[in-house]
Structures are given as C-alpha cells and as structure tokens.
Amino acid sequence: MSQQEDQNRMLRDAVTTFAARDTSIARVRELRDSAPGFDKAVWKTIAELGWTGIMIPEEYGGMGLGLSEMAAVLEEFAKTLSPEPLNPSAVLAARALLHGGNEALKKKLLPGIASGEILPALAWQESEGGIDPLALATRAEGGGLNGGKRFVFPADADGYL
C-alpha cells in the first residue's frame, strides 16, 4: 500500500468514526429546518481535526494535501448525509480564493478558513428572471443592490466569494 493510500485509509477511518456518532435522519431533518442548517459545534470539531484545511497549502495554515484526501473525507461524510458545509466552504470557496489573483486576500482569509474561524460561501450562480427572494444581492446599482445569487450554502456564511 502506498503512503497516499495509507493516508486516505486513515482519513476515511477517522471520518467514519466521527460521522457515525449521530447519523440519524431525525438529526438531518431537524438541522435542515433550522438556521443555519448545520451544527456549529460539529463544524468546530471538524475544523479542530484539521479537515477544513486539507486542501489549503501549508503556507496559508492548511495541511497542503490534495483532492484525493479531501474526496476520502467527503465521501465518508456523504454516507451519513452530514449537513455540515465542508464541501461548499473548505473546498469550493477556499479553492476559488486560492486560485484568485489577490495574494493579500489569500494571506488574510485562508488561515481562518483552514482553522474554521472563517466560514465562507461561494456565490456564483446568477438568479434568473429578476430578484429571487431567496438569493443574495450581488450588484450595486444607483446606490442600492440589485440581482442575486442562487444556491448559496451556507447562506449565513461569514463572507461570500
């Protein structure tokens, strides 16, 4: 077994044990029907375990691992229908920021994302046909905001990319 395969197996085992603690459908339904839609205490523990920084380079406070390690973690969380926003925040939003051109912003935000202190959301899909009441405002026009983004999770993030 290669070192990467061994590392992925260890990650899988750790996540399987962690996620299996409370995998009831009742938990998922309860969280789905409440704000913010996930358990912040569980999110804090996920961050303390380092899983929010798996794909963030070490220079920004992350683990500097790759997609295969994160995929191993996400797959195990998916098996329990875990509603915690690991993929939207620690993968999608963090990777969008990482691949952007603003180094100062990376240095400011990525360490907080890796540590779980900052909960970002990627807002990229435009709302169609006017303002969607469930969308986040995205454009400044005439001193106000107009437009919107759809399917932003977590909606109550600390910031939006």
Protein backbone atom coordinates (compact mmCIF):
# COMPACT_ATOMS: atom_id res chain seq x y z
CA MET A 1 0.00 0.00 0.00
CA SER A 2 1.38 3.42 -0.96
CA GLN A 3 1.79 6.24 1.53
CA GLN A 4 -1.08 8.15 -0.10
CA GLU A 5 -3.40 5.13 0.05
CA ASP A 6 -2.46 4.60 3.70
CA GLN A 7 -3.13 8.28 4.45
CA ASN A 8 -6.51 8.13 2.69
CA ARG A 9 -7.45 4.99 4.62
CA MET A 10 -6.54 6.66 7.92
CA LEU A 11 -8.59 9.73 6.99
CA ARG A 12 -11.54 7.56 5.99
CA ASP A 13 -11.38 5.62 9.25
CA ALA A 14 -11.25 8.82 11.31
CA VAL A 15 -14.17 10.41 9.45
CA THR A 16 -16.21 7.20 9.54
CA THR A 17 -15.83 7.03 13.32
CA PHE A 18 -16.59 10.73 13.74
CA ALA A 19 -19.58 10.85 11.38
CA ALA A 20 -21.14 7.68 12.78
CA ARG A 21 -21.67 9.26 16.21
CA ASP A 22 -25.01 10.80 15.23
CA THR A 23 -26.20 9.81 11.79
CA SER A 24 -29.92 9.78 12.37
CA ILE A 25 -32.28 11.05 9.73
CA ALA A 26 -34.03 12.92 12.54
CA ARG A 27 -30.83 14.97 13.08
CA VAL A 28 -30.58 15.79 9.40
CA ARG A 29 -34.25 16.83 9.22
CA GLU A 30 -34.02 18.91 12.38
CA LEU A 31 -30.98 20.79 11.07
CA ARG A 32 -32.48 21.19 7.60
CA ASP A 33 -35.47 23.00 9.04
CA SER A 34 -33.43 25.38 11.20
CA ALA A 35 -30.87 28.12 10.70
CA PRO A 36 -28.03 27.82 9.86
CA GLY A 37 -28.84 24.32 8.57
CA PHE A 38 -25.90 22.58 10.24
CA ASP A 39 -24.49 22.09 13.73
CA LYS A 40 -21.90 24.77 14.54
CA ALA A 41 -20.43 22.64 17.36
CA VAL A 42 -19.83 19.80 14.90
CA TRP A 43 -18.33 22.30 12.46
CA LYS A 44 -15.93 23.50 15.15
CA THR A 45 -14.82 19.93 15.83
CA ILE A 46 -14.35 19.28 12.10
CA ALA A 47 -12.10 22.34 11.98
CA GLU A 48 -10.15 21.27 15.08
CA LEU A 49 -9.48 17.93 13.39
CA GLY A 50 -7.92 19.85 10.50
CA TRP A 51 -10.39 18.76 7.86
CA THR A 52 -11.30 22.32 6.86
CA GLY A 53 -7.65 22.87 5.86
CA ILE A 54 -6.97 19.67 3.96
CA MET A 55 -6.69 21.35 0.54
CA ILE A 56 -5.26 24.67 1.74
CA PRO A 57 -1.47 24.92 1.29
CA GLU A 58 0.69 24.85 4.40
CA GLU A 59 1.89 28.41 3.73
CA TYR A 60 -1.69 29.55 4.47
CA GLY A 61 -2.17 27.39 7.55
CA GLY A 62 -3.62 24.31 5.88
CA MET A 63 -2.45 20.74 5.54
CA GLY A 64 -1.39 21.06 1.92
CA LEU A 65 -2.97 17.78 0.86
CA GLY A 66 -4.85 17.14 -2.33
CA LEU A 67 -8.17 16.26 -3.83
CA SER A 68 -7.87 12.52 -3.18
CA GLU A 69 -7.55 13.10 0.57
CA MET A 70 -10.47 15.54 0.61
CA ALA A 71 -12.54 13.17 -1.53
CA ALA A 72 -11.95 10.41 1.02
CA VAL A 73 -13.24 12.68 3.79
CA LEU A 74 -16.22 14.00 1.82
CA GLU A 75 -17.27 10.52 0.76
CA GLU A 76 -17.49 9.34 4.36
CA PHE A 77 -19.47 12.42 5.42
CA ALA A 78 -21.83 11.89 2.49
CA LYS A 79 -22.63 8.37 3.67
CA THR A 80 -24.22 9.86 6.79
CA LEU A 81 -25.92 12.77 4.99
CA SER A 82 -23.91 15.15 7.16
CA PRO A 83 -25.22 18.67 6.57
CA GLU A 84 -22.03 20.43 7.69
CA PRO A 85 -20.72 22.65 4.84
CA LEU A 86 -17.31 21.04 4.34
CA ASN A 87 -17.51 20.87 0.55
CA PRO A 88 -19.05 24.32 -0.08
CA SER A 89 -16.75 26.12 2.37
CA ALA A 90 -13.46 24.24 2.66
CA VAL A 91 -13.35 23.09 -0.96
CA LEU A 92 -15.35 25.32 -3.32
CA ALA A 93 -14.96 28.70 -1.62
CA ALA A 94 -11.41 28.06 -0.42
CA ARG A 95 -10.26 26.85 -3.85
CA ALA A 96 -11.87 29.83 -5.61
CA LEU A 97 -9.97 32.14 -3.27
CA LEU A 98 -6.75 30.17 -3.62
CA HIS A 99 -6.86 30.31 -7.41
CA GLY A 100 -7.67 34.02 -7.46
CA GLY A 101 -5.03 36.67 -8.02
CA ASN A 102 -5.24 38.57 -4.74
CA GLU A 103 -2.32 37.39 -2.58
CA ALA A 104 -3.13 39.78 0.28
CA LEU A 105 -6.66 38.37 0.48
CA LYS A 106 -5.33 34.80 0.46
CA LYS A 107 -2.98 35.58 3.35
CA LYS A 108 -5.78 37.27 5.25
CA LEU A 109 -8.56 34.70 4.75
CA LEU A 110 -7.15 31.24 4.02
CA PRO A 111 -5.65 30.68 7.50
CA GLY A 112 -9.06 31.46 9.03
CA ILE A 113 -10.78 29.07 6.64
CA ALA A 114 -8.23 26.35 7.42
CA SER A 115 -8.75 26.81 11.17
CA GLY A 116 -12.54 27.02 10.87
CA GLU A 117 -12.65 30.57 12.24
CA ILE A 118 -13.98 31.86 8.91
CA LEU A 119 -16.92 30.16 7.23
CA PRO A 120 -17.03 31.23 3.57
CA ALA A 121 -19.58 30.53 0.86
CA LEU A 122 -19.15 30.56 -2.90
CA ALA A 123 -21.91 32.60 -4.54
CA TRP A 124 -21.54 32.04 -8.26
CA GLN A 125 -24.84 31.07 -9.88
CA GLU A 126 -26.84 34.06 -11.07
CA SER A 127 -30.50 34.27 -10.26
CA GLU A 128 -32.73 34.10 -13.34
CA GLY A 129 -35.62 36.40 -14.17
CA GLY A 130 -35.22 39.21 -11.67
CA ILE A 131 -34.62 39.26 -7.96
CA ASP A 132 -35.09 35.95 -6.23
CA PRO A 133 -36.27 36.48 -2.62
CA LEU A 134 -34.02 33.58 -1.54
CA ALA A 135 -30.97 34.93 -3.38
CA LEU A 136 -28.18 37.09 -2.04
CA ALA A 137 -27.87 40.56 -3.57
CA THR A 138 -24.83 40.85 -5.82
CA ARG A 139 -24.70 44.12 -7.77
CA ALA A 140 -24.56 47.73 -6.71
CA GLU A 141 -26.79 49.93 -8.85
CA GLY A 142 -27.80 53.52 -8.15
CA GLY A 143 -26.80 53.37 -4.52
CA GLY A 144 -28.66 50.10 -3.91
CA LEU A 145 -28.28 46.41 -4.59
CA ASN A 146 -29.87 44.53 -7.45
CA GLY A 147 -29.60 41.00 -8.82
CA GLY A 148 -28.91 37.85 -6.91
CA LYS A 149 -27.10 34.59 -6.50
CA ARG A 150 -28.81 31.24 -6.02
CA PHE A 151 -28.00 28.06 -4.15
CA VAL A 152 -25.53 29.69 -1.75
CA PHE A 153 -24.64 27.45 1.20
CA PRO A 154 -24.16 28.22 3.96
CA ALA A 155 -26.37 31.27 3.48
CA ASP A 156 -25.26 32.79 6.78
CA ALA A 157 -21.57 32.49 5.98
CA ASP A 158 -19.03 34.95 7.33
CA GLY A 159 -18.38 36.13 3.78
CA TYR A 160 -19.14 35.38 0.15
CA LEU A 161 -16.89 34.86 -2.86
